[in-house]
């Protein structure tokens, strides 16, 4: 699973114009491989992050 902190940082960086496409790809491929994260893996990581945020804010129960 992708570390949620990476997605949070990507969201922050994109709002501050720090995130280029190449930078995002490098963050989504922490193994430094040439292949970026698959769409399905990204969707699953995003869903995990959203659930984490909702649980943390009390909007979703365990």
PDB file of N, CA and C in Angstrom:
ATOM      1  N   UNK A   1       0.837  -1.184   0.000  1.00  0.00           N
ATOM      2  CA  UNK A   1       0.000   0.000   0.000  1.00  0.00           C
ATOM      3  C   UNK A   1       0.883   1.248   0.000  1.00  0.00           C
ATOM      4  N   UNK A   2       0.440   2.242  -0.692  1.00  0.00           N
ATOM      5  CA  UNK A   2       1.148   3.515  -0.748  1.00  0.00           C
ATOM      6  C   UNK A   2       1.010   4.242   0.584  1.00  0.00           C
ATOM      7  N   UNK A   3       2.075   4.833   1.037  1.00  0.00           N
ATOM      8  CA  UNK A   3       2.050   5.606   2.274  1.00  0.00           C
ATOM      9  C   UNK A   3       1.108   6.792   2.087  1.00  0.00           C
ATOM     10  N   UNK A   4       0.074   6.942   2.943  1.00  0.00           N
ATOM     11  CA  UNK A   4      -0.862   8.063   2.798  1.00  0.00           C
ATOM     12  C   UNK A   4      -0.177   9.426   2.818  1.00  0.00           C
ATOM     13  N   UNK A   5       0.956   9.522   3.499  1.00  0.00           N
ATOM     14  CA  UNK A   5       1.668  10.798   3.560  1.00  0.00           C
ATOM     15  C   UNK A   5       2.105  11.257   2.174  1.00  0.00           C
ATOM     16  N   UNK A   6       2.411  10.306   1.290  1.00  0.00           N
ATOM     17  CA  UNK A   6       2.815  10.678  -0.069  1.00  0.00           C
ATOM     18  C   UNK A   6       1.658  11.350  -0.796  1.00  0.00           C
ATOM     19  N   UNK A   7       0.442  10.784  -0.667  1.00  0.00           N
ATOM     20  CA  UNK A   7      -0.713  11.399  -1.333  1.00  0.00           C
ATOM     21  C   UNK A   7      -1.034  12.763  -0.736  1.00  0.00           C
ATOM     22  N   UNK A   8      -0.966  12.878   0.598  1.00  0.00           N
ATOM     23  CA  UNK A   8      -1.196  14.184   1.218  1.00  0.00           C
ATOM     24  C   UNK A   8      -0.199  15.211   0.696  1.00  0.00           C
ATOM     25  N   UNK A   9       1.060  14.811   0.600  1.00  0.00           N
ATOM     26  CA  UNK A   9       2.086  15.730   0.115  1.00  0.00           C
ATOM     27  C   UNK A   9       1.831  16.106  -1.344  1.00  0.00           C
ATOM     28  N   UNK A  10       1.384  15.154  -2.150  1.00  0.00           N
ATOM     29  CA  UNK A  10       1.085  15.448  -3.553  1.00  0.00           C
ATOM     30  C   UNK A  10      -0.056  16.447  -3.665  1.00  0.00           C
ATOM     31  N   UNK A  11      -1.091  16.274  -2.826  1.00  0.00           N
ATOM     32  CA  UNK A  11      -2.217  17.210  -2.846  1.00  0.00           C
ATOM     33  C   UNK A  11      -1.735  18.603  -2.460  1.00  0.00           C
ATOM     34  N   UNK A  12      -0.953  18.691  -1.386  1.00  0.00           N
ATOM     35  CA  UNK A  12      -0.435  19.987  -0.960  1.00  0.00           C
ATOM     36  C   UNK A  12       0.425  20.607  -2.055  1.00  0.00           C
ATOM     37  N   UNK A  13       1.333  19.823  -2.605  1.00  0.00           N
ATOM     38  CA  UNK A  13       2.257  20.347  -3.612  1.00  0.00           C
ATOM     39  C   UNK A  13       1.513  20.816  -4.855  1.00  0.00           C
ATOM     40  N   UNK A  14       0.476  20.099  -5.244  1.00  0.00           N
ATOM     41  CA  UNK A  14      -0.250  20.497  -6.451  1.00  0.00           C
ATOM     42  C   UNK A  14      -0.992  21.811  -6.245  1.00  0.00           C
ATOM     43  N   UNK A  15      -1.390  22.110  -5.019  1.00  0.00           N
ATOM     44  CA  UNK A  15      -2.057  23.384  -4.764  1.00  0.00           C
ATOM     45  C   UNK A  15      -1.065  24.532  -4.684  1.00  0.00           C
ATOM     46  N   UNK A  16       0.202  24.222  -4.551  1.00  0.00           N
ATOM     47  CA  UNK A  16       1.236  25.253  -4.479  1.00  0.00           C
ATOM     48  C   UNK A  16       2.138  25.256  -5.711  1.00  0.00           C
ATOM     49  N   UNK A  17       1.699  24.588  -6.765  1.00  0.00           N
ATOM     50  CA  UNK A  17       2.418  24.560  -8.047  1.00  0.00           C
ATOM     51  C   UNK A  17       3.823  23.972  -7.930  1.00  0.00           C
ATOM     52  N   UNK A  18       4.003  23.056  -6.982  1.00  0.00           N
ATOM     53  CA  UNK A  18       5.301  22.398  -6.840  1.00  0.00           C
ATOM     54  C   UNK A  18       5.325  21.058  -7.567  1.00  0.00           C
ATOM     55  N   UNK A  19       4.159  20.549  -7.922  1.00  0.00           N
ATOM     56  CA  UNK A  19       4.080  19.186  -8.449  1.00  0.00           C
ATOM     57  C   UNK A  19       4.027  19.180  -9.969  1.00  0.00           C
ATOM     58  N   UNK A  20       5.115  18.782 -10.577  1.00  0.00           N
ATOM     59  CA  UNK A  20       5.111  18.559 -12.019  1.00  0.00           C
ATOM     60  C   UNK A  20       4.695  17.112 -12.268  1.00  0.00           C
ATOM     61  N   UNK A  21       4.374  16.792 -13.505  1.00  0.00           N
ATOM     62  CA  UNK A  21       3.968  15.425 -13.829  1.00  0.00           C
ATOM     63  C   UNK A  21       5.082  14.435 -13.486  1.00  0.00           C
ATOM     64  N   UNK A  22       6.311  14.755 -13.840  1.00  0.00           N
ATOM     65  CA  UNK A  22       7.434  13.858 -13.551  1.00  0.00           C
ATOM     66  C   UNK A  22       7.624  13.661 -12.048  1.00  0.00           C
ATOM     67  N   UNK A  23       7.432  14.722 -11.283  1.00  0.00           N
ATOM     68  CA  UNK A  23       7.557  14.627  -9.831  1.00  0.00           C
ATOM     69  C   UNK A  23       6.491  13.696  -9.275  1.00  0.00           C
ATOM     70  N   UNK A  24       5.255  13.827  -9.764  1.00  0.00           N
ATOM     71  CA  UNK A  24       4.178  12.960  -9.291  1.00  0.00           C
ATOM     72  C   UNK A  24       4.468  11.503  -9.626  1.00  0.00           C
ATOM     73  N   UNK A  25       4.947  11.249 -10.836  1.00  0.00           N
ATOM     74  CA  UNK A  25       5.280   9.880 -11.226  1.00  0.00           C
ATOM     75  C   UNK A  25       6.373   9.319 -10.321  1.00  0.00           C
ATOM     76  N   UNK A  26       7.369  10.134  -9.999  1.00  0.00           N
ATOM     77  CA  UNK A  26       8.440   9.641  -9.129  1.00  0.00           C
ATOM     78  C   UNK A  26       7.908   9.319  -7.736  1.00  0.00           C
ATOM     79  N   UNK A  27       6.948  10.095  -7.251  1.00  0.00           N
ATOM     80  CA  UNK A  27       6.361   9.826  -5.941  1.00  0.00           C
ATOM     81  C   UNK A  27       5.493   8.580  -5.966  1.00  0.00           C
ATOM     82  N   UNK A  28       4.853   8.320  -7.092  1.00  0.00           N
ATOM     83  CA  UNK A  28       3.983   7.152  -7.201  1.00  0.00           C
ATOM     84  C   UNK A  28       4.757   5.888  -7.515  1.00  0.00           C
ATOM     85  N   UNK A  29       6.034   6.015  -7.761  1.00  0.00           N
ATOM     86  CA  UNK A  29       6.890   4.859  -8.024  1.00  0.00           C
ATOM     87  C   UNK A  29       8.060   4.882  -7.043  1.00  0.00           C
ATOM     88  N   UNK A  30       7.768   4.643  -5.762  1.00  0.00           N
ATOM     89  CA  UNK A  30       8.824   4.772  -4.754  1.00  0.00           C
ATOM     90  C   UNK A  30       9.987   3.805  -4.943  1.00  0.00           C
ATOM     91  N   UNK A  31       9.793   2.750  -5.725  1.00  0.00           N
ATOM     92  CA  UNK A  31      10.879   1.806  -5.967  1.00  0.00           C
ATOM     93  C   UNK A  31      11.835   2.338  -7.022  1.00  0.00           C
ATOM     94  N   UNK A  32      11.573   3.522  -7.525  1.00  0.00           N
ATOM     95  CA  UNK A  32      12.397   4.165  -8.557  1.00  0.00           C
ATOM     96  C   UNK A  32      12.419   3.346  -9.845  1.00  0.00           C
ATOM     97  N   UNK A  33      11.328   2.671 -10.104  1.00  0.00           N
ATOM     98  CA  UNK A  33      11.234   1.921 -11.355  1.00  0.00           C
ATOM     99  C   UNK A  33      10.766   2.860 -12.461  1.00  0.00           C
ATOM    100  N   UNK A  34      10.854   2.402 -13.671  1.00  0.00           N
ATOM    101  CA  UNK A  34      10.420   3.209 -14.811  1.00  0.00           C
ATOM    102  C   UNK A  34       8.904   3.169 -14.984  1.00  0.00           C
ATOM    103  N   UNK A  35       8.260   2.200 -14.346  1.00  0.00           N
ATOM    104  CA  UNK A  35       6.823   2.022 -14.507  1.00  0.00           C
ATOM    105  C   UNK A  35       6.080   2.746 -13.395  1.00  0.00           C
ATOM    106  N   UNK A  36       5.189   3.662 -13.720  1.00  0.00           N
ATOM    107  CA  UNK A  36       4.420   4.347 -12.687  1.00  0.00           C
ATOM    108  C   UNK A  36       3.392   3.405 -12.066  1.00  0.00           C
ATOM    109  N   UNK A  37       2.831   3.816 -10.964  1.00  0.00           N
ATOM    110  CA  UNK A  37       1.800   3.037 -10.295  1.00  0.00           C
ATOM    111  C   UNK A  37       0.635   2.814 -11.255  1.00  0.00           C
ATOM    112  N   UNK A  38       0.069   1.630 -11.227  1.00  0.00           N
ATOM    113  CA  UNK A  38      -1.066   1.340 -12.106  1.00  0.00           C
ATOM    114  C   UNK A  38      -2.280   2.157 -11.672  1.00  0.00           C
ATOM    115  N   UNK A  39      -3.212   2.343 -12.593  1.00  0.00           N
ATOM    116  CA  UNK A  39      -4.424   3.090 -12.269  1.00  0.00           C
ATOM    117  C   UNK A  39      -5.170   2.436 -11.115  1.00  0.00           C
ATOM    118  N   UNK A  40      -5.272   1.107 -11.144  1.00  0.00           N
ATOM    119  CA  UNK A  40      -6.004   0.391 -10.088  1.00  0.00           C
ATOM    120  C   UNK A  40      -5.323   0.577  -8.735  1.00  0.00           C
ATOM    121  N   UNK A  41      -4.013   0.476  -8.697  1.00  0.00           N
ATOM    122  CA  UNK A  41      -3.280   0.658  -7.441  1.00  0.00           C
ATOM    123  C   UNK A  41      -3.453   2.082  -6.918  1.00  0.00           C
ATOM    124  N   UNK A  42      -3.468   3.070  -7.838  1.00  0.00           N
ATOM    125  CA  UNK A  42      -3.670   4.456  -7.423  1.00  0.00           C
ATOM    126  C   UNK A  42      -5.068   4.642  -6.845  1.00  0.00           C
ATOM    127  N   UNK A  43      -6.069   4.049  -7.502  1.00  0.00           N
ATOM    128  CA  UNK A  43      -7.447   4.150  -7.013  1.00  0.00           C
ATOM    129  C   UNK A  43      -7.560   3.528  -5.626  1.00  0.00           C
ATOM    130  N   UNK A  44      -6.969   2.351  -5.437  1.00  0.00           N
ATOM    131  CA  UNK A  44      -7.014   1.697  -4.129  1.00  0.00           C
ATOM    132  C   UNK A  44      -6.311   2.531  -3.060  1.00  0.00           C
ATOM    133  N   UNK A  45      -5.177   3.105  -3.394  1.00  0.00           N
ATOM    134  CA  UNK A  45      -4.452   3.942  -2.435  1.00  0.00           C
ATOM    135  C   UNK A  45      -5.260   5.184  -2.083  1.00  0.00           C
ATOM    136  N   UNK A  46      -5.916   5.771  -3.084  1.00  0.00           N
ATOM    137  CA  UNK A  46      -6.746   6.952  -2.846  1.00  0.00           C
ATOM    138  C   UNK A  46      -7.940   6.599  -1.972  1.00  0.00           C
ATOM    139  N   UNK A  47      -8.573   5.462  -2.242  1.00  0.00           N
ATOM    140  CA  UNK A  47      -9.703   5.024  -1.418  1.00  0.00           C
ATOM    141  C   UNK A  47      -9.263   4.790   0.023  1.00  0.00           C
ATOM    142  N   UNK A  48      -8.098   4.175   0.208  1.00  0.00           N
ATOM    143  CA  UNK A  48      -7.571   3.965   1.558  1.00  0.00           C
ATOM    144  C   UNK A  48      -7.347   5.293   2.265  1.00  0.00           C
ATOM    145  N   UNK A  49      -6.809   6.255   1.541  1.00  0.00           N
ATOM    146  CA  UNK A  49      -6.543   7.573   2.118  1.00  0.00           C
ATOM    147  C   UNK A  49      -7.839   8.267   2.506  1.00  0.00           C
ATOM    148  N   UNK A  50      -8.838   8.213   1.637  1.00  0.00           N
ATOM    149  CA  UNK A  50     -10.128   8.849   1.929  1.00  0.00           C
ATOM    150  C   UNK A  50     -10.755   8.211   3.164  1.00  0.00           C
ATOM    151  N   UNK A  51     -10.718   6.892   3.256  1.00  0.00           N
ATOM    152  CA  UNK A  51     -11.266   6.216   4.431  1.00  0.00           C
ATOM    153  C   UNK A  51     -10.513   6.614   5.693  1.00  0.00           C
ATOM    154  N   UNK A  52      -9.201   6.739   5.598  1.00  0.00           N
ATOM    155  CA  UNK A  52      -8.390   7.161   6.735  1.00  0.00           C
ATOM    156  C   UNK A  52      -8.795   8.555   7.200  1.00  0.00           C
ATOM    157  N   UNK A  53      -8.973   9.470   6.265  1.00  0.00           N
ATOM    158  CA  UNK A  53      -9.367  10.841   6.604  1.00  0.00           C
ATOM    159  C   UNK A  53     -10.764  10.857   7.213  1.00  0.00           C
ATOM    160  N   UNK A  54     -11.701  10.122   6.615  1.00  0.00           N
ATOM    161  CA  UNK A  54     -13.064  10.094   7.134  1.00  0.00           C
ATOM    162  C   UNK A  54     -13.119   9.504   8.539  1.00  0.00           C
ATOM    163  N   UNK A  55     -12.364   8.441   8.779  1.00  0.00           N
ATOM    164  CA  UNK A  55     -12.324   7.867  10.130  1.00  0.00           C
ATOM    165  C   UNK A  55     -11.688   8.849  11.106  1.00  0.00           C
ATOM    166  N   UNK A  56     -10.632   9.517  10.679  1.00  0.00           N
ATOM    167  CA  UNK A  56      -9.935  10.459  11.545  1.00  0.00           C
ATOM    168  C   UNK A  56     -10.777  11.660  11.926  1.00  0.00           C
ATOM    169  N   UNK A  57     -11.683  12.059  11.039  1.00  0.00           N
ATOM    170  CA  UNK A  57     -12.549  13.202  11.320  1.00  0.00           C
ATOM    171  C   UNK A  57     -13.864  12.775  11.950  1.00  0.00           C
ATOM    172  N   UNK A  58     -14.051  11.468  12.130  1.00  0.00           N
ATOM    173  CA  UNK A  58     -15.271  10.971  12.756  1.00  0.00           C
ATOM    174  C   UNK A  58     -16.450  10.869  11.815  1.00  0.00           C
ATOM    175  N   UNK A  59     -16.233  11.033  10.527  1.00  0.00           N
ATOM    176  CA  UNK A  59     -17.327  10.968   9.564  1.00  0.00           C
ATOM    177  C   UNK A  59     -17.607   9.548   9.089  1.00  0.00           C
ATOM    178  N   UNK A  60     -16.728   8.621   9.428  1.00  0.00           N
ATOM    179  CA  UNK A  60     -16.937   7.219   9.077  1.00  0.00           C
ATOM    180  C   UNK A  60     -16.545   6.375  10.277  1.00  0.00           C
ATOM    181  N   UNK A  61     -17.382   5.420  10.582  1.00  0.00           N
ATOM    182  CA  UNK A  61     -17.083   4.543  11.717  1.00  0.00           C
ATOM    183  C   UNK A  61     -16.337   3.317  11.250  1.00  0.00           C
ATOM    184  N   UNK A  62     -15.587   2.731  12.159  1.00  0.00           N
ATOM    185  CA  UNK A  62     -14.801   1.538  11.829  1.00  0.00           C
ATOM    186  C   UNK A  62     -15.655   0.372  11.492  1.00  0.00           C
TER     187      UNK A  62
END
